[in-house]
């Protein structure tokens, strides 16, 4: 079980998503899960999220209908397995 869950709501951030995810994944601490919550993004974000999940088993992707950032955070929190939860904006 991971010690930390990092939850990132994703909506219309195609131009910034790779930089964000790469920054999180390159940390020296490795015992964490990264939960990317695709909040119904209409751009290329869903595919980018899925591609990361295929490459790194620490990445979990949740696809949901758009409900806003609070809804996305709550969906990530429901899926989180770590003892400490970190929310990114």
N, C-alpha and C. Protein backbone atom coordinates (compact mmCIF):
# COMPACT_ATOMS: atom_id res chain seq x y z
N UNK A 1 0.85 -1.18 0.00
CA UNK A 1 0.00 0.00 0.00
C UNK A 1 0.89 1.24 0.00
N UNK A 2 0.59 2.22 -0.87
CA UNK A 2 1.39 3.43 -0.91
C UNK A 2 1.21 4.26 0.36
N UNK A 3 2.27 4.98 0.73
CA UNK A 3 2.19 5.85 1.90
C UNK A 3 1.45 7.16 1.58
N UNK A 4 1.57 7.60 0.33
CA UNK A 4 1.03 8.90 -0.07
C UNK A 4 0.19 8.74 -1.33
N UNK A 5 -0.94 9.44 -1.37
CA UNK A 5 -1.76 9.53 -2.57
C UNK A 5 -1.74 10.98 -3.04
N UNK A 6 -1.30 11.18 -4.28
CA UNK A 6 -1.30 12.52 -4.88
C UNK A 6 -2.48 12.55 -5.85
N UNK A 7 -3.41 13.48 -5.62
CA UNK A 7 -4.63 13.56 -6.42
C UNK A 7 -4.58 14.82 -7.28
N UNK A 8 -4.70 14.62 -8.60
CA UNK A 8 -4.64 15.74 -9.54
C UNK A 8 -5.92 15.79 -10.36
N UNK A 9 -6.79 16.77 -10.12
CA UNK A 9 -7.96 16.96 -10.99
C UNK A 9 -7.48 17.43 -12.37
N UNK A 10 -8.04 16.87 -13.43
CA UNK A 10 -7.59 17.17 -14.79
C UNK A 10 -8.78 17.65 -15.61
N UNK A 11 -8.68 18.89 -16.13
CA UNK A 11 -9.72 19.42 -17.01
C UNK A 11 -9.12 20.54 -17.86
N UNK A 12 -9.09 20.34 -19.17
CA UNK A 12 -8.59 21.33 -20.13
C UNK A 12 -7.19 21.84 -19.78
N UNK A 13 -6.28 20.91 -19.51
CA UNK A 13 -4.89 21.29 -19.20
C UNK A 13 -3.91 20.52 -20.08
N UNK A 14 -4.33 20.23 -21.28
CA UNK A 14 -3.52 19.43 -22.20
C UNK A 14 -2.10 19.98 -22.36
N UNK A 15 -1.96 21.30 -22.42
CA UNK A 15 -0.64 21.91 -22.63
C UNK A 15 0.28 21.81 -21.41
N UNK A 16 -0.25 21.52 -20.25
CA UNK A 16 0.52 21.52 -19.01
C UNK A 16 0.58 20.17 -18.31
N UNK A 17 -0.25 19.24 -18.74
CA UNK A 17 -0.41 17.99 -18.00
C UNK A 17 0.87 17.15 -17.96
N UNK A 18 1.55 17.01 -19.07
CA UNK A 18 2.77 16.20 -19.09
C UNK A 18 3.82 16.76 -18.15
N UNK A 19 3.99 18.06 -18.16
CA UNK A 19 4.97 18.69 -17.27
C UNK A 19 4.62 18.43 -15.81
N UNK A 20 3.35 18.54 -15.47
CA UNK A 20 2.87 18.30 -14.11
C UNK A 20 3.13 16.86 -13.69
N UNK A 21 2.71 15.91 -14.52
CA UNK A 21 2.84 14.49 -14.18
C UNK A 21 4.32 14.09 -14.12
N UNK A 22 5.11 14.54 -15.09
CA UNK A 22 6.54 14.21 -15.07
C UNK A 22 7.20 14.73 -13.81
N UNK A 23 6.82 15.92 -13.38
CA UNK A 23 7.39 16.51 -12.17
C UNK A 23 7.07 15.67 -10.94
N UNK A 24 5.87 15.16 -10.87
CA UNK A 24 5.47 14.33 -9.73
C UNK A 24 6.17 12.98 -9.78
N UNK A 25 6.23 12.37 -10.95
CA UNK A 25 6.80 11.03 -11.06
C UNK A 25 8.31 10.99 -10.88
N UNK A 26 8.99 12.10 -11.10
CA UNK A 26 10.46 12.08 -11.00
C UNK A 26 10.97 12.33 -9.57
N UNK A 27 10.09 12.40 -8.60
CA UNK A 27 10.51 12.59 -7.21
C UNK A 27 11.37 11.41 -6.76
N UNK A 28 12.30 11.68 -5.85
CA UNK A 28 13.15 10.60 -5.34
C UNK A 28 12.37 9.64 -4.44
N UNK A 29 11.33 10.14 -3.77
CA UNK A 29 10.46 9.27 -2.97
C UNK A 29 9.53 8.54 -3.94
N UNK A 30 9.50 7.23 -3.86
CA UNK A 30 8.77 6.43 -4.85
C UNK A 30 7.52 5.74 -4.33
N UNK A 31 7.31 5.72 -3.01
CA UNK A 31 6.18 4.97 -2.44
C UNK A 31 4.93 5.84 -2.39
N UNK A 32 4.40 6.14 -3.58
CA UNK A 32 3.18 6.94 -3.67
C UNK A 32 2.37 6.47 -4.86
N UNK A 33 1.10 6.86 -4.86
CA UNK A 33 0.27 6.65 -6.03
C UNK A 33 -0.15 8.02 -6.54
N UNK A 34 -0.24 8.13 -7.84
CA UNK A 34 -0.69 9.37 -8.48
C UNK A 34 -2.05 9.10 -9.09
N UNK A 35 -3.06 9.78 -8.57
CA UNK A 35 -4.42 9.59 -9.06
C UNK A 35 -4.77 10.79 -9.95
N UNK A 36 -4.91 10.53 -11.23
CA UNK A 36 -5.31 11.56 -12.18
C UNK A 36 -6.81 11.43 -12.41
N UNK A 37 -7.55 12.46 -12.06
CA UNK A 37 -9.00 12.42 -12.19
C UNK A 37 -9.40 13.27 -13.39
N UNK A 38 -9.68 12.58 -14.50
CA UNK A 38 -10.15 13.25 -15.71
C UNK A 38 -11.61 13.63 -15.48
N UNK A 39 -11.85 14.92 -15.33
CA UNK A 39 -13.18 15.43 -15.02
C UNK A 39 -13.96 15.76 -16.30
N UNK A 40 -13.96 14.80 -17.24
CA UNK A 40 -14.69 14.99 -18.49
C UNK A 40 -14.01 15.98 -19.43
N UNK A 41 -12.70 16.04 -19.39
CA UNK A 41 -11.97 17.00 -20.22
C UNK A 41 -12.20 16.73 -21.70
N UNK A 42 -12.54 17.78 -22.48
CA UNK A 42 -12.86 17.59 -23.90
C UNK A 42 -11.64 17.62 -24.82
N UNK A 43 -10.44 17.81 -24.26
CA UNK A 43 -9.24 17.88 -25.08
C UNK A 43 -8.51 16.54 -25.05
N UNK A 44 -7.21 16.54 -25.20
CA UNK A 44 -6.42 15.30 -25.24
C UNK A 44 -6.03 14.76 -23.88
N UNK A 45 -6.50 15.37 -22.82
CA UNK A 45 -6.12 14.95 -21.46
C UNK A 45 -6.46 13.49 -21.14
N UNK A 46 -7.64 12.99 -21.50
CA UNK A 46 -7.95 11.59 -21.16
C UNK A 46 -6.92 10.61 -21.72
N UNK A 47 -6.49 10.80 -22.96
CA UNK A 47 -5.51 9.92 -23.57
C UNK A 47 -4.15 10.07 -22.89
N UNK A 48 -3.76 11.29 -22.58
CA UNK A 48 -2.48 11.52 -21.90
C UNK A 48 -2.48 10.78 -20.56
N UNK A 49 -3.56 10.90 -19.82
CA UNK A 49 -3.66 10.21 -18.53
C UNK A 49 -3.53 8.70 -18.71
N UNK A 50 -4.26 8.15 -19.67
CA UNK A 50 -4.22 6.71 -19.92
C UNK A 50 -2.82 6.25 -20.34
N UNK A 51 -2.14 7.07 -21.13
CA UNK A 51 -0.78 6.72 -21.56
C UNK A 51 0.16 6.63 -20.36
N UNK A 52 0.05 7.55 -19.42
CA UNK A 52 0.89 7.50 -18.22
C UNK A 52 0.58 6.26 -17.38
N UNK A 53 -0.69 5.90 -17.28
CA UNK A 53 -1.07 4.72 -16.49
C UNK A 53 -0.50 3.45 -17.11
N UNK A 54 -0.39 3.41 -18.42
CA UNK A 54 0.19 2.24 -19.09
C UNK A 54 1.69 2.14 -18.84
N UNK A 55 2.35 3.29 -18.66
CA UNK A 55 3.81 3.31 -18.50
C UNK A 55 4.28 3.16 -17.06
N UNK A 56 3.45 3.55 -16.10
CA UNK A 56 3.88 3.59 -14.70
C UNK A 56 2.76 3.05 -13.82
N UNK A 57 3.05 1.99 -13.08
CA UNK A 57 1.99 1.36 -12.28
C UNK A 57 1.60 2.17 -11.05
N UNK A 58 2.29 3.26 -10.77
CA UNK A 58 1.88 4.14 -9.67
C UNK A 58 0.74 5.07 -10.08
N UNK A 59 0.47 5.16 -11.37
CA UNK A 59 -0.54 6.08 -11.90
C UNK A 59 -1.89 5.37 -12.01
N UNK A 60 -2.89 5.98 -11.39
CA UNK A 60 -4.27 5.50 -11.46
C UNK A 60 -5.09 6.59 -12.14
N UNK A 61 -5.93 6.21 -13.08
CA UNK A 61 -6.74 7.20 -13.79
C UNK A 61 -8.21 6.93 -13.51
N UNK A 62 -8.92 8.00 -13.20
CA UNK A 62 -10.38 7.95 -13.04
C UNK A 62 -10.97 8.87 -14.10
N UNK A 63 -11.86 8.34 -14.91
CA UNK A 63 -12.59 9.14 -15.89
C UNK A 63 -14.01 9.34 -15.36
N UNK A 64 -14.46 10.58 -15.31
CA UNK A 64 -15.80 10.86 -14.83
C UNK A 64 -16.40 12.01 -15.62
N UNK A 65 -17.71 12.16 -15.54
CA UNK A 65 -18.38 13.30 -16.16
C UNK A 65 -17.99 14.56 -15.41
N UNK A 66 -17.97 15.67 -16.14
CA UNK A 66 -17.58 16.93 -15.53
C UNK A 66 -18.49 17.29 -14.37
N UNK A 67 -17.86 17.56 -13.23
CA UNK A 67 -18.61 17.94 -12.04
C UNK A 67 -17.93 19.04 -11.26
N UNK A 68 -16.80 19.53 -11.79
CA UNK A 68 -16.07 20.57 -11.10
C UNK A 68 -14.93 20.01 -10.27
N UNK A 69 -14.06 20.92 -9.84
CA UNK A 69 -12.83 20.51 -9.16
C UNK A 69 -13.10 19.80 -7.83
N UNK A 70 -14.10 20.22 -7.09
CA UNK A 70 -14.41 19.57 -5.81
C UNK A 70 -14.89 18.14 -6.03
N UNK A 71 -15.71 17.94 -7.04
CA UNK A 71 -16.18 16.61 -7.38
C UNK A 71 -15.02 15.71 -7.80
N UNK A 72 -14.09 16.27 -8.57
CA UNK A 72 -12.93 15.51 -9.02
C UNK A 72 -12.05 15.13 -7.83
N UNK A 73 -11.82 16.07 -6.93
CA UNK A 73 -11.02 15.76 -5.74
C UNK A 73 -11.67 14.67 -4.90
N UNK A 74 -12.98 14.75 -4.73
CA UNK A 74 -13.68 13.74 -3.95
C UNK A 74 -13.60 12.37 -4.60
N UNK A 75 -13.67 12.31 -5.92
CA UNK A 75 -13.54 11.03 -6.63
C UNK A 75 -12.15 10.46 -6.41
N UNK A 76 -11.15 11.32 -6.43
CA UNK A 76 -9.78 10.88 -6.16
C UNK A 76 -9.61 10.41 -4.73
N UNK A 77 -10.22 11.12 -3.82
CA UNK A 77 -10.14 10.75 -2.40
C UNK A 77 -10.80 9.39 -2.15
N UNK A 78 -11.91 9.14 -2.83
CA UNK A 78 -12.59 7.84 -2.69
C UNK A 78 -11.70 6.69 -3.16
N UNK A 79 -10.85 6.95 -4.15
CA UNK A 79 -9.99 5.90 -4.71
C UNK A 79 -8.63 5.81 -4.01
N UNK A 80 -8.31 6.78 -3.17
CA UNK A 80 -6.97 6.87 -2.58
C UNK A 80 -6.70 5.74 -1.60
N UNK A 81 -5.50 5.19 -1.69
CA UNK A 81 -5.10 4.11 -0.79
C UNK A 81 -4.04 4.54 0.20
N UNK A 82 -3.42 5.69 -0.02
CA UNK A 82 -2.35 6.15 0.85
C UNK A 82 -2.87 6.74 2.15
N UNK A 83 -1.99 6.78 3.14
CA UNK A 83 -2.35 7.33 4.44
C UNK A 83 -2.36 8.85 4.45
N UNK A 84 -1.57 9.47 3.58
CA UNK A 84 -1.49 10.92 3.47
C UNK A 84 -1.99 11.30 2.09
N UNK A 85 -2.89 12.28 2.01
CA UNK A 85 -3.46 12.69 0.73
C UNK A 85 -2.97 14.09 0.39
N UNK A 86 -2.46 14.25 -0.83
CA UNK A 86 -1.98 15.53 -1.31
C UNK A 86 -2.82 15.91 -2.52
N UNK A 87 -3.38 17.11 -2.50
CA UNK A 87 -4.21 17.59 -3.61
C UNK A 87 -3.42 18.62 -4.41
N UNK A 88 -3.43 18.48 -5.73
CA UNK A 88 -2.81 19.46 -6.61
C UNK A 88 -3.91 20.20 -7.35
N UNK A 89 -3.63 21.43 -7.75
CA UNK A 89 -4.61 22.18 -8.53
C UNK A 89 -4.20 22.25 -9.96
